[in-house]
Amino acid sequence: MSLLLSLFAKIPKPVHTATVKEKESFSIKNFIEPKALPISMVMLVLGFCYSSVLTYINFYAIELDLVATASFFFITYSLAILISRPFSGRLLDKKGANYIMYPAFILFAAGLFVLSGAHSGFVLLLASILIGFGYGNMQSCCQAISIKSVPTEKIGLSTATFSIFQDVGIGFGPYLLGLFITVMSYSHLYALLAVIVLCTIVLYYLIYARHQNIHDKGIA
């Protein structure tokens, strides 16, 4: 549907100004937007942690004998995102990213902790809801931050930078986490990743949160 609608979209031609120059020589800045790197690094770590859910939840459910319940895991995860994003979006506009990110960090970590101790279908689905409220809202919030960090003509490049780092975290996460699976259980792995998510709060604070008043002006 998006592809079909794009055929009817009227996109104005970009206006080249003194600040936007055609670069003939190869430069990393043609592919990566430096101003989007800080929040993209945060998203890389979060994507890395979330990749454990995407990759190993089925194996974990088999181990717990909760395969039937696990088939609803991403349904409840999606519902949590669907319900919360309209409210989190408005809060982002009015109060700024920190009002979304800090609670989301806690919810994501809590979801992984709950998942690490899952012993019933109810607990497994509770974990999916918490992860949806946490990671699901962090993803959209971080993308908004990356877009707002650059001028209008660089929004595409900033979005690409953000997506690259997110995909690297999600794509390479399973390979690295597979090394941990050989020495620890899935339960211990999710508990460890919950701690990593909490530690990422420090990274987020250092590269963005303490400068929120500057970055958040005009976020919409």
N, C-alpha and C. Protein backbone atom coordinates (compact mmCIF):
# COMPACT_ATOMS: atom_id res chain seq x y z
N MET A 1 0.82 -1.20 0.00
CA MET A 1 0.00 0.00 0.00
C MET A 1 0.87 1.26 0.00
N SER A 2 1.94 1.23 0.79
CA SER A 2 2.85 2.38 0.84
C SER A 2 3.49 2.63 -0.53
N LEU A 3 3.87 1.54 -1.19
CA LEU A 3 4.49 1.66 -2.51
C LEU A 3 3.53 2.26 -3.51
N LEU A 4 2.27 1.82 -3.47
CA LEU A 4 1.27 2.35 -4.40
C LEU A 4 0.98 3.83 -4.13
N LEU A 5 0.87 4.18 -2.85
CA LEU A 5 0.61 5.58 -2.50
C LEU A 5 1.76 6.48 -2.89
N SER A 6 2.99 5.95 -2.85
CA SER A 6 4.15 6.77 -3.20
C SER A 6 4.13 7.20 -4.65
N LEU A 7 3.44 6.44 -5.49
CA LEU A 7 3.35 6.79 -6.91
C LEU A 7 2.57 8.09 -7.13
N PHE A 8 1.71 8.42 -6.17
CA PHE A 8 0.88 9.61 -6.30
C PHE A 8 1.40 10.78 -5.46
N ALA A 9 2.49 10.55 -4.75
CA ALA A 9 3.04 11.62 -3.90
C ALA A 9 3.77 12.65 -4.75
N LYS A 10 3.53 13.91 -4.44
CA LYS A 10 4.20 15.00 -5.12
C LYS A 10 5.33 15.50 -4.24
N ILE A 11 6.54 15.18 -4.63
CA ILE A 11 7.72 15.53 -3.84
C ILE A 11 8.46 16.67 -4.52
N PRO A 12 8.56 17.82 -3.86
CA PRO A 12 9.26 18.95 -4.46
C PRO A 12 10.74 18.66 -4.66
N LYS A 13 11.29 19.22 -5.72
CA LYS A 13 12.72 19.03 -5.97
C LYS A 13 13.52 19.76 -4.91
N PRO A 14 14.62 19.15 -4.43
CA PRO A 14 15.43 19.79 -3.39
C PRO A 14 16.08 21.07 -3.90
N VAL A 15 16.08 22.07 -3.05
CA VAL A 15 16.69 23.34 -3.39
C VAL A 15 18.12 23.36 -2.85
N HIS A 16 19.07 23.47 -3.70
CA HIS A 16 20.48 23.47 -3.28
C HIS A 16 20.86 24.87 -2.81
N THR A 17 21.31 24.95 -1.59
CA THR A 17 21.73 26.22 -1.01
C THR A 17 23.23 26.20 -0.78
N ALA A 18 23.72 27.27 -0.20
CA ALA A 18 25.16 27.37 0.06
C ALA A 18 25.62 26.34 1.07
N THR A 19 24.67 25.87 1.89
CA THR A 19 25.04 24.91 2.93
C THR A 19 24.97 23.48 2.43
N VAL A 20 24.37 23.29 1.24
CA VAL A 20 24.26 21.94 0.67
C VAL A 20 25.04 21.91 -0.64
N LYS A 21 26.17 21.22 -0.65
CA LYS A 21 27.04 21.18 -1.82
C LYS A 21 27.16 19.75 -2.33
N GLU A 22 27.25 19.64 -3.61
CA GLU A 22 27.47 18.35 -4.21
C GLU A 22 28.91 17.93 -3.95
N LYS A 23 29.08 16.73 -3.46
CA LYS A 23 30.42 16.25 -3.14
C LYS A 23 30.81 15.17 -4.14
N GLU A 24 31.83 15.46 -4.90
CA GLU A 24 32.27 14.50 -5.90
C GLU A 24 33.21 13.46 -5.31
N SER A 25 34.03 13.85 -4.36
CA SER A 25 34.97 12.92 -3.75
C SER A 25 34.27 12.05 -2.70
N PHE A 26 34.84 10.88 -2.49
CA PHE A 26 34.27 9.96 -1.51
C PHE A 26 34.44 10.51 -0.10
N SER A 27 33.38 10.45 0.67
CA SER A 27 33.42 10.89 2.05
C SER A 27 32.43 10.08 2.86
N ILE A 28 32.83 9.69 4.06
CA ILE A 28 31.94 8.92 4.92
C ILE A 28 30.70 9.73 5.28
N LYS A 29 30.82 11.06 5.23
CA LYS A 29 29.69 11.93 5.55
C LYS A 29 28.59 11.86 4.51
N ASN A 30 28.91 11.28 3.34
CA ASN A 30 27.89 11.10 2.32
C ASN A 30 26.97 9.92 2.65
N PHE A 31 27.40 9.09 3.60
CA PHE A 31 26.63 7.90 3.95
C PHE A 31 26.22 7.88 5.42
N ILE A 32 26.98 8.56 6.26
CA ILE A 32 26.71 8.59 7.70
C ILE A 32 26.61 10.03 8.15
N GLU A 33 25.54 10.37 8.86
CA GLU A 33 25.37 11.71 9.38
C GLU A 33 25.97 11.79 10.79
N PRO A 34 27.04 12.56 10.98
CA PRO A 34 27.72 12.62 12.28
C PRO A 34 26.82 13.04 13.43
N LYS A 35 25.91 13.98 13.19
CA LYS A 35 25.05 14.46 14.27
C LYS A 35 24.05 13.40 14.74
N ALA A 36 23.81 12.41 13.91
CA ALA A 36 22.88 11.34 14.29
C ALA A 36 23.60 10.16 14.95
N LEU A 37 24.92 10.21 14.99
CA LEU A 37 25.70 9.09 15.53
C LEU A 37 25.45 8.83 17.02
N PRO A 38 25.41 9.87 17.87
CA PRO A 38 25.24 9.59 19.30
C PRO A 38 23.98 8.77 19.62
N ILE A 39 22.83 9.22 19.17
CA ILE A 39 21.59 8.49 19.49
C ILE A 39 21.54 7.18 18.73
N SER A 40 22.21 7.11 17.57
CA SER A 40 22.25 5.86 16.81
C SER A 40 23.06 4.81 17.56
N MET A 41 24.09 5.24 18.29
CA MET A 41 24.88 4.32 19.09
C MET A 41 24.05 3.73 20.23
N VAL A 42 23.20 4.58 20.82
CA VAL A 42 22.29 4.08 21.85
C VAL A 42 21.36 3.03 21.26
N MET A 43 20.84 3.32 20.06
CA MET A 43 19.92 2.40 19.41
C MET A 43 20.60 1.10 19.03
N LEU A 44 21.89 1.17 18.70
CA LEU A 44 22.64 -0.05 18.37
C LEU A 44 22.66 -1.00 19.57
N VAL A 45 22.93 -0.46 20.75
CA VAL A 45 22.97 -1.29 21.96
C VAL A 45 21.58 -1.85 22.27
N LEU A 46 20.56 -1.00 22.15
CA LEU A 46 19.20 -1.46 22.42
C LEU A 46 18.76 -2.51 21.41
N GLY A 47 19.13 -2.30 20.15
CA GLY A 47 18.80 -3.29 19.13
C GLY A 47 19.52 -4.61 19.38
N PHE A 48 20.74 -4.52 19.85
CA PHE A 48 21.51 -5.71 20.21
C PHE A 48 20.78 -6.51 21.29
N CYS A 49 20.29 -5.81 22.31
CA CYS A 49 19.57 -6.49 23.39
C CYS A 49 18.25 -7.07 22.91
N TYR A 50 17.55 -6.31 22.07
CA TYR A 50 16.26 -6.78 21.57
C TYR A 50 16.41 -7.97 20.64
N SER A 51 17.55 -8.08 19.97
CA SER A 51 17.76 -9.20 19.05
C SER A 51 17.67 -10.54 19.77
N SER A 52 17.96 -10.54 21.06
CA SER A 52 17.87 -11.78 21.83
C SER A 52 16.42 -12.25 21.91
N VAL A 53 15.49 -11.32 21.95
CA VAL A 53 14.08 -11.67 21.99
C VAL A 53 13.64 -12.21 20.63
N LEU A 54 14.02 -11.52 19.57
CA LEU A 54 13.65 -11.95 18.23
C LEU A 54 14.19 -13.34 17.90
N THR A 55 15.41 -13.60 18.33
CA THR A 55 16.11 -14.82 17.91
C THR A 55 15.84 -16.02 18.80
N TYR A 56 15.82 -15.80 20.11
CA TYR A 56 15.84 -16.94 21.02
C TYR A 56 14.55 -17.19 21.79
N ILE A 57 13.52 -16.37 21.57
CA ILE A 57 12.30 -16.55 22.35
C ILE A 57 11.67 -17.91 22.09
N ASN A 58 11.75 -18.39 20.85
CA ASN A 58 11.14 -19.68 20.54
C ASN A 58 11.89 -20.83 21.22
N PHE A 59 13.22 -20.77 21.20
CA PHE A 59 14.02 -21.80 21.86
C PHE A 59 13.79 -21.77 23.38
N TYR A 60 13.68 -20.56 23.89
CA TYR A 60 13.43 -20.39 25.33
C TYR A 60 12.07 -20.95 25.70
N ALA A 61 11.07 -20.71 24.84
CA ALA A 61 9.72 -21.20 25.09
C ALA A 61 9.68 -22.74 25.05
N ILE A 62 10.46 -23.32 24.15
CA ILE A 62 10.54 -24.78 24.08
C ILE A 62 11.13 -25.33 25.38
N GLU A 63 12.16 -24.66 25.86
CA GLU A 63 12.80 -25.06 27.11
C GLU A 63 11.83 -24.98 28.28
N LEU A 64 10.95 -23.96 28.25
CA LEU A 64 9.98 -23.76 29.33
C LEU A 64 8.69 -24.52 29.11
N ASP A 65 8.56 -25.16 27.95
CA ASP A 65 7.33 -25.86 27.57
C ASP A 65 6.16 -24.87 27.49
N LEU A 66 6.42 -23.71 26.86
CA LEU A 66 5.40 -22.68 26.71
C LEU A 66 5.28 -22.25 25.25
N VAL A 67 5.43 -23.21 24.34
CA VAL A 67 5.43 -22.90 22.92
C VAL A 67 4.09 -22.31 22.48
N ALA A 68 3.00 -22.85 22.98
CA ALA A 68 1.68 -22.36 22.59
C ALA A 68 1.50 -20.90 22.98
N THR A 69 1.94 -20.55 24.19
CA THR A 69 1.82 -19.17 24.65
C THR A 69 2.76 -18.26 23.88
N ALA A 70 3.94 -18.76 23.55
CA ALA A 70 4.93 -17.95 22.84
C ALA A 70 4.43 -17.50 21.48
N SER A 71 3.47 -18.23 20.90
CA SER A 71 2.93 -17.83 19.59
C SER A 71 2.17 -16.51 19.68
N PHE A 72 1.80 -16.09 20.90
CA PHE A 72 1.11 -14.81 21.10
C PHE A 72 2.05 -13.71 21.58
N PHE A 73 3.32 -14.05 21.75
CA PHE A 73 4.28 -13.12 22.34
C PHE A 73 4.33 -11.80 21.57
N PHE A 74 4.53 -11.89 20.26
CA PHE A 74 4.69 -10.66 19.47
C PHE A 74 3.36 -9.99 19.15
N ILE A 75 2.27 -10.72 19.36
CA ILE A 75 0.95 -10.09 19.22
C ILE A 75 0.72 -9.13 20.39
N THR A 76 0.98 -9.60 21.59
CA THR A 76 0.82 -8.73 22.76
C THR A 76 1.87 -7.62 22.76
N TYR A 77 3.04 -7.93 22.26
CA TYR A 77 4.09 -6.92 22.12
C TYR A 77 3.61 -5.79 21.20
N SER A 78 3.04 -6.16 20.07
CA SER A 78 2.55 -5.17 19.11
C SER A 78 1.38 -4.37 19.67
N LEU A 79 0.51 -5.02 20.41
CA LEU A 79 -0.63 -4.33 21.01
C LEU A 79 -0.15 -3.29 22.02
N ALA A 80 0.87 -3.64 22.79
CA ALA A 80 1.43 -2.70 23.76
C ALA A 80 1.96 -1.45 23.06
N ILE A 81 2.62 -1.64 21.92
CA ILE A 81 3.13 -0.51 21.15
C ILE A 81 1.97 0.32 20.59
N LEU A 82 0.98 -0.38 20.03
CA LEU A 82 -0.17 0.29 19.42
C LEU A 82 -0.91 1.16 20.43
N ILE A 83 -1.03 0.66 21.64
CA ILE A 83 -1.77 1.39 22.68
C ILE A 83 -0.96 2.57 23.21
N SER A 84 0.34 2.37 23.38
CA SER A 84 1.15 3.38 24.08
C SER A 84 1.70 4.49 23.19
N ARG A 85 1.95 4.23 21.93
CA ARG A 85 2.63 5.22 21.09
C ARG A 85 1.85 6.52 20.90
N PRO A 86 0.55 6.50 20.76
CA PRO A 86 -0.16 7.80 20.66
C PRO A 86 0.08 8.69 21.88
N PHE A 87 0.13 8.09 23.06
CA PHE A 87 0.35 8.87 24.28
C PHE A 87 1.82 9.28 24.41
N SER A 88 2.72 8.36 24.09
CA SER A 88 4.14 8.68 24.20
C SER A 88 4.54 9.73 23.16
N GLY A 89 3.90 9.70 21.99
CA GLY A 89 4.19 10.70 20.97
C GLY A 89 3.83 12.11 21.42
N ARG A 90 2.66 12.23 22.05
CA ARG A 90 2.24 13.55 22.55
C ARG A 90 3.14 14.02 23.68
N LEU A 91 3.52 13.08 24.55
CA LEU A 91 4.40 13.43 25.65
C LEU A 91 5.76 13.87 25.15
N LEU A 92 6.22 13.23 24.09
CA LEU A 92 7.50 13.60 23.48
C LEU A 92 7.44 15.03 22.96
N ASP A 93 6.33 15.37 22.32
CA ASP A 93 6.18 16.73 21.77
C ASP A 93 6.13 17.78 22.87
N LYS A 94 5.44 17.47 23.96
CA LYS A 94 5.21 18.46 25.01
C LYS A 94 6.36 18.56 26.02
N LYS A 95 6.91 17.43 26.39
CA LYS A 95 7.88 17.41 27.49
C LYS A 95 9.31 17.12 27.06
N GLY A 96 9.49 16.45 25.93
CA GLY A 96 10.83 16.09 25.50
C GLY A 96 11.12 14.61 25.63
N ALA A 97 12.22 14.20 25.03
CA ALA A 97 12.56 12.78 24.93
C ALA A 97 12.82 12.11 26.27
N ASN A 98 13.41 12.86 27.22
CA ASN A 98 13.75 12.25 28.50
C ASN A 98 12.54 11.68 29.24
N TYR A 99 11.39 12.30 29.05
CA TYR A 99 10.18 11.83 29.71
C TYR A 99 9.70 10.49 29.13
N ILE A 100 10.18 10.17 27.95
CA ILE A 100 9.86 8.88 27.34
C ILE A 100 10.97 7.88 27.59
N MET A 101 12.20 8.31 27.39
CA MET A 101 13.32 7.38 27.38
C MET A 101 13.61 6.76 28.74
N TYR A 102 13.63 7.57 29.79
CA TYR A 102 13.98 7.01 31.10
C TYR A 102 12.98 5.94 31.55
N PRO A 103 11.67 6.21 31.51
CA PRO A 103 10.72 5.13 31.86
C PRO A 103 10.83 3.94 30.92
N ALA A 104 11.09 4.22 29.62
CA ALA A 104 11.19 3.13 28.66
C ALA A 104 12.40 2.24 28.94
N PHE A 105 13.52 2.84 29.35
CA PHE A 105 14.68 2.05 29.75
C PHE A 105 14.30 1.09 30.87
N ILE A 106 13.62 1.61 31.87
CA ILE A 106 13.21 0.80 33.02
C ILE A 106 12.26 -0.31 32.60
N LEU A 107 11.30 0.02 31.73
CA LEU A 107 10.31 -0.97 31.29
C LEU A 107 10.96 -2.05 30.44
N PHE A 108 11.88 -1.66 29.57
CA PHE A 108 12.57 -2.65 28.73
C PHE A 108 13.39 -3.59 29.60
N ALA A 109 14.14 -3.02 30.53
CA ALA A 109 14.96 -3.85 31.43
C ALA A 109 14.05 -4.75 32.28
N ALA A 110 12.95 -4.18 32.77
CA ALA A 110 12.01 -4.97 33.58
C ALA A 110 11.44 -6.12 32.77
N GLY A 111 11.13 -5.85 31.49
CA GLY A 111 10.60 -6.90 30.63
C GLY A 111 11.59 -8.05 30.46
N LEU A 112 12.87 -7.71 30.30
CA LEU A 112 13.89 -8.75 30.16
C LEU A 112 14.09 -9.52 31.46
N PHE A 113 14.02 -8.79 32.59
CA PHE A 113 14.12 -9.46 33.88
C PHE A 113 12.96 -10.43 34.09
N VAL A 114 11.76 -9.96 33.79
CA VAL A 114 10.57 -10.82 33.92
C VAL A 114 10.70 -12.02 32.99
N LEU A 115 11.18 -11.78 31.78
CA LEU A 115 11.37 -12.87 30.83
C LEU A 115 12.38 -13.89 31.33
N SER A 116 13.42 -13.41 31.99
CA SER A 116 14.45 -14.33 32.50
C SER A 116 13.90 -15.25 33.58
N GLY A 117 12.83 -14.82 34.26
CA GLY A 117 12.25 -15.65 35.32
C GLY A 117 10.90 -16.23 34.96
N ALA A 118 10.58 -16.23 33.66
CA ALA A 118 9.27 -16.74 33.22
C ALA A 118 9.09 -18.21 33.60
N HIS A 119 7.94 -18.50 34.16
CA HIS A 119 7.62 -19.88 34.55
C HIS A 119 6.21 -20.26 34.15
N SER A 120 5.49 -19.32 33.56
CA SER A 120 4.12 -19.57 33.12
C SER A 120 3.81 -18.71 31.91
N GLY A 121 2.72 -19.05 31.24
CA GLY A 121 2.32 -18.28 30.06
C GLY A 121 2.01 -16.84 30.40
N PHE A 122 1.39 -16.60 31.55
CA PHE A 122 1.04 -15.25 31.96
C PHE A 122 2.29 -14.39 32.12
N VAL A 123 3.31 -14.93 32.75
CA VAL A 123 4.56 -14.18 32.96
C VAL A 123 5.25 -13.91 31.63
N LEU A 124 5.19 -14.87 30.73
CA LEU A 124 5.82 -14.70 29.42
C LEU A 124 5.15 -13.55 28.65
N LEU A 125 3.84 -13.50 28.68
CA LEU A 125 3.12 -12.43 27.98
C LEU A 125 3.28 -11.09 28.69
N LEU A 126 3.40 -11.13 30.02
CA LEU A 126 3.66 -9.90 30.76
C LEU A 126 4.99 -9.30 30.33
N ALA A 127 5.97 -10.16 30.14
CA ALA A 127 7.28 -9.71 29.67
C ALA A 127 7.16 -9.06 28.29
N SER A 128 6.35 -9.64 27.42
CA SER A 128 6.20 -9.09 26.07
C SER A 128 5.56 -7.70 26.12
N ILE A 129 4.61 -7.50 27.03
CA ILE A 129 3.96 -6.20 27.17
C ILE A 129 4.95 -5.15 27.67
N LEU A 130 5.74 -5.52 28.66
CA LEU A 130 6.73 -4.59 29.20
C LEU A 130 7.78 -4.22 28.16
N ILE A 131 8.20 -5.21 27.39
CA ILE A 131 9.19 -4.96 26.34
C ILE A 131 8.58 -4.07 25.26
N GLY A 132 7.30 -4.28 24.96
CA GLY A 132 6.62 -3.44 23.99
C GLY A 132 6.54 -1.99 24.45
N PHE A 133 6.16 -1.78 25.71
CA PHE A 133 6.11 -0.44 26.27
C PHE A 133 7.50 0.20 26.29
N GLY A 134 8.51 -0.62 26.54
CA GLY A 134 9.87 -0.11 26.65
C GLY A 134 10.55 0.06 25.31
N TYR A 135 10.98 -1.03 24.71
CA TYR A 135 11.73 -0.96 23.45
C TYR A 135 10.90 -0.36 22.33
N GLY A 136 9.62 -0.71 22.27
CA GLY A 136 8.77 -0.22 21.21
C GLY A 136 8.70 1.29 21.15
N ASN A 137 8.67 1.94 22.31
CA ASN A 137 8.62 3.40 22.34
C ASN A 137 10.00 4.04 22.23
N MET A 138 11.01 3.34 22.69
CA MET A 138 12.37 3.86 22.56
C MET A 138 12.78 3.96 21.10
N GLN A 139 12.36 2.98 20.32
CA GLN A 139 12.70 2.95 18.91
C GLN A 139 12.19 4.20 18.19
N SER A 140 10.92 4.52 18.38
CA SER A 140 10.35 5.70 17.72
C SER A 140 10.90 6.99 18.30
N CYS A 141 11.14 7.02 19.59
CA CYS A 141 11.67 8.21 20.24
C CYS A 141 13.09 8.51 19.76
N CYS A 142 13.92 7.51 19.69
CA CYS A 142 15.30 7.69 19.23
C CYS A 142 15.33 8.14 17.77
N GLN A 143 14.42 7.62 16.96
CA GLN A 143 14.37 8.04 15.58
C GLN A 143 13.97 9.51 15.48
N ALA A 144 13.04 9.94 16.32
CA ALA A 144 12.65 11.35 16.34
C ALA A 144 13.83 12.23 16.74
N ILE A 145 14.61 11.76 17.69
CA ILE A 145 15.79 12.51 18.13
C ILE A 145 16.80 12.65 16.98
N SER A 146 17.03 11.54 16.26
CA SER A 146 18.00 11.57 15.16
C SER A 146 17.56 12.52 14.07
N ILE A 147 16.27 12.57 13.79
CA ILE A 147 15.75 13.46 12.75
C ILE A 147 15.88 14.91 13.17
N LYS A 148 15.58 15.18 14.46
CA LYS A 148 15.59 16.55 14.94
C LYS A 148 17.00 17.10 15.11
N SER A 149 17.98 16.23 15.06
CA SER A 149 19.36 16.68 15.29
C SER A 149 20.00 17.29 14.05
N VAL A 150 19.29 17.23 12.91
CA VAL A 150 19.88 17.71 11.65
C VAL A 150 18.93 18.67 10.95
N PRO A 151 19.45 19.50 10.03
CA PRO A 151 18.58 20.37 9.24
C PRO A 151 17.71 19.55 8.30
N THR A 152 16.68 20.17 7.76
CA THR A 152 15.69 19.47 6.94
C THR A 152 16.30 18.69 5.79
N GLU A 153 17.27 19.27 5.10
CA GLU A 153 17.83 18.62 3.92
C GLU A 153 18.64 17.36 4.25
N LYS A 154 18.92 17.14 5.53
CA LYS A 154 19.69 15.95 5.91
C LYS A 154 18.87 14.91 6.66
N ILE A 155 17.56 15.08 6.67
CA ILE A 155 16.70 14.13 7.39
C ILE A 155 16.84 12.72 6.83
N GLY A 156 16.91 12.61 5.50
CA GLY A 156 17.05 11.29 4.88
C GLY A 156 18.33 10.60 5.30
N LEU A 157 19.43 11.34 5.29
CA LEU A 157 20.72 10.78 5.69
C LEU A 157 20.74 10.41 7.16
N SER A 158 20.11 11.25 7.99
CA SER A 158 20.04 10.97 9.42
C SER A 158 19.21 9.71 9.69
N THR A 159 18.10 9.57 8.98
CA THR A 159 17.26 8.38 9.13
C THR A 159 18.02 7.13 8.70
N ALA A 160 18.78 7.26 7.61
CA ALA A 160 19.57 6.13 7.12
C ALA A 160 20.63 5.72 8.14
N THR A 161 21.28 6.71 8.74
CA THR A 161 22.30 6.44 9.76
C THR A 161 21.69 5.70 10.94
N PHE A 162 20.55 6.20 11.40
CA PHE A 162 19.84 5.57 12.51
C PHE A 162 19.48 4.13 12.17
N SER A 163 18.95 3.91 10.97
CA SER A 163 18.52 2.57 10.57
C SER A 163 19.70 1.61 10.44
N ILE A 164 20.83 2.12 9.95
CA ILE A 164 22.03 1.29 9.81
C ILE A 164 22.47 0.75 11.18
N PHE A 165 22.55 1.65 12.16
CA PHE A 165 23.01 1.24 13.48
C PHE A 165 22.01 0.31 14.15
N GLN A 166 20.74 0.58 13.98
CA GLN A 166 19.72 -0.30 14.55
C GLN A 166 19.81 -1.69 13.93
N ASP A 167 19.96 -1.74 12.60
CA ASP A 167 20.03 -3.02 11.91
C ASP A 167 21.31 -3.78 12.26
N VAL A 168 22.40 -3.05 12.48
CA VAL A 168 23.64 -3.71 12.90
C VAL A 168 23.45 -4.38 14.25
N GLY A 169 22.80 -3.67 15.18
CA GLY A 169 22.55 -4.24 16.49
C GLY A 169 21.67 -5.47 16.43
N ILE A 170 20.59 -5.37 15.67
CA ILE A 170 19.66 -6.49 15.56
C ILE A 170 20.24 -7.62 14.72
N GLY A 171 20.99 -7.26 13.67
CA GLY A 171 21.52 -8.27 12.76
C GLY A 171 22.69 -9.06 13.30
N PHE A 172 23.63 -8.36 13.96
CA PHE A 172 24.82 -9.05 14.47
C PHE A 172 24.64 -9.54 15.90
N GLY A 173 23.61 -9.03 16.59
CA GLY A 173 23.36 -9.45 17.97
C GLY A 173 23.29 -10.95 18.14
N PRO A 174 22.48 -11.65 17.33
CA PRO A 174 22.36 -13.10 17.51
C PRO A 174 23.67 -13.86 17.39
N TYR A 175 24.56 -13.38 16.51
CA TYR A 175 25.85 -14.06 16.36
C TYR A 175 26.69 -13.93 17.63
N LEU A 176 26.73 -12.73 18.19
CA LEU A 176 27.51 -12.52 19.40
C LEU A 176 26.86 -13.18 20.61
N LEU A 177 25.54 -13.07 20.69
CA LEU A 177 24.83 -13.67 21.82
C LEU A 177 24.91 -15.20 21.79
N GLY A 178 25.07 -15.73 20.59
CA GLY A 178 25.20 -17.19 20.47
C GLY A 178 26.41 -17.71 21.23
N LEU A 179 27.43 -16.86 21.35
CA LEU A 179 28.62 -17.27 22.10
C LEU A 179 28.29 -17.41 23.59
N PHE A 180 27.38 -16.55 24.09
CA PHE A 180 27.01 -16.61 25.50
C PHE A 180 26.14 -17.83 25.80
N ILE A 181 25.32 -18.21 24.80
CA ILE A 181 24.42 -19.34 25.00
C ILE A 181 25.19 -20.62 25.30
N THR A 182 26.42 -20.69 24.82
CA THR A 182 27.22 -21.90 25.05
C THR A 182 27.70 -22.01 26.49
N VAL A 183 27.66 -20.89 27.23
CA VAL A 183 28.18 -20.91 28.59
C VAL A 183 27.13 -20.52 29.64
N MET A 184 25.94 -20.15 29.20
CA MET A 184 24.89 -19.80 30.16
C MET A 184 23.52 -20.13 29.59
N SER A 185 22.53 -20.17 30.44
CA SER A 185 21.17 -20.49 30.01
C SER A 185 20.50 -19.27 29.38
N TYR A 186 19.38 -19.49 28.73
CA TYR A 186 18.62 -18.37 28.16
C TYR A 186 18.16 -17.44 29.27
N SER A 187 17.78 -18.00 30.37
CA SER A 187 17.32 -17.20 31.51
C SER A 187 18.40 -16.25 31.98
N HIS A 188 19.61 -16.75 32.14
CA HIS A 188 20.73 -15.91 32.58
C HIS A 188 21.09 -14.87 31.51
N LEU A 189 20.94 -15.25 30.24
CA LEU A 189 21.25 -14.33 29.16
C LEU A 189 20.31 -13.12 29.20
N TYR A 190 19.01 -13.37 29.39
CA TYR A 190 18.05 -12.26 29.44
C TYR A 190 18.29 -11.38 30.67
N ALA A 191 18.68 -11.98 31.76
CA ALA A 191 18.98 -11.20 32.96
C ALA A 191 20.20 -10.31 32.72
N LEU A 192 21.21 -10.85 32.05
CA LEU A 192 22.41 -10.09 31.73
C LEU A 192 22.09 -8.92 30.81
N LEU A 193 21.25 -9.16 29.82
CA LEU A 193 20.88 -8.10 28.88
C LEU A 193 20.05 -7.02 29.57
N ALA A 194 19.27 -7.40 30.56
CA ALA A 194 18.51 -6.40 31.33
C ALA A 194 19.47 -5.44 32.02
N VAL A 195 20.56 -5.98 32.53
CA VAL A 195 21.57 -5.14 33.18
C VAL A 195 22.23 -4.22 32.16
N ILE A 196 22.49 -4.74 30.97
CA ILE A 196 23.10 -3.93 29.91
C ILE A 196 22.18 -2.77 29.53
N VAL A 197 20.88 -3.05 29.45
CA VAL A 197 19.92 -1.99 29.13
C VAL A 197 19.97 -0.89 30.20
N LEU A 198 20.04 -1.28 31.45
CA LEU A 198 20.11 -0.29 32.54
C LEU A 198 21.41 0.51 32.46
N CYS A 199 22.50 -0.14 32.09
CA CYS A 199 23.78 0.56 31.96
C CYS A 199 23.76 1.54 30.79
N THR A 200 22.94 1.25 29.79
CA THR A 200 22.84 2.12 28.63
C THR A 200 22.23 3.47 28.99
N ILE A 201 21.55 3.53 30.12
CA ILE A 201 21.00 4.81 30.60
C ILE A 201 22.13 5.82 30.76
N VAL A 202 23.28 5.36 31.25
CA VAL A 202 24.43 6.25 31.44
C VAL A 202 24.90 6.78 30.10
N LEU A 203 24.99 5.90 29.10
CA LEU A 203 25.39 6.31 27.76
C LEU A 203 24.41 7.34 27.20
N TYR A 204 23.14 7.08 27.37
CA TYR A 204 22.11 8.00 26.87
C TYR A 204 22.22 9.36 27.56
N TYR A 205 22.46 9.36 28.85
CA TYR A 205 22.58 10.61 29.57
C TYR A 205 23.77 11.42 29.09
N LEU A 206 24.90 10.76 28.91
CA LEU A 206 26.13 11.47 28.54
C LEU A 206 26.05 12.08 27.14
N ILE A 207 25.40 11.39 26.20
CA ILE A 207 25.43 11.88 24.82
C ILE A 207 24.18 12.66 24.43
N TYR A 208 23.11 12.58 25.26
CA TYR A 208 21.92 13.32 24.87
C TYR A 208 21.17 13.98 26.02
N ALA A 209 20.81 13.24 27.04
CA ALA A 209 19.87 13.72 28.05
C ALA A 209 20.29 15.02 28.71
N ARG A 210 21.57 15.17 29.01
CA ARG A 210 22.01 16.38 29.69
C ARG A 210 21.95 17.61 28.78
N HIS A 211 21.74 17.36 27.48
CA HIS A 211 21.61 18.47 26.54
C HIS A 211 20.19 18.57 26.00
N GLN A 212 19.23 17.96 26.68
CA GLN A 212 17.87 17.88 26.14
C GLN A 212 17.26 19.23 25.83
N ASN A 213 17.48 20.22 26.66
CA ASN A 213 16.87 21.53 26.44
C ASN A 213 17.27 22.13 25.10
N ILE A 214 18.48 21.74 24.64
CA ILE A 214 18.96 22.23 23.35
C ILE A 214 18.36 21.40 22.21
N HIS A 215 18.38 20.08 22.39
CA HIS A 215 17.98 19.20 21.31
C HIS A 215 16.47 19.15 21.10
N ASP A 216 15.71 19.31 22.17
CA ASP A 216 14.28 19.07 22.08
C ASP A 216 13.47 20.24 21.53
N LYS A 217 14.10 21.37 21.31
CA LYS A 217 13.35 22.52 20.83
C LYS A 217 12.73 22.21 19.47
N GLY A 218 11.44 22.26 19.47
CA GLY A 218 10.74 22.09 18.20
C GLY A 218 10.48 20.67 17.78
N ILE A 219 10.76 19.66 18.63
CA ILE A 219 10.46 18.29 18.25
C ILE A 219 8.96 18.16 18.01
N ALA A 220 8.61 17.55 16.92
CA ALA A 220 7.19 17.39 16.60
C ALA A 220 6.99 16.04 15.93
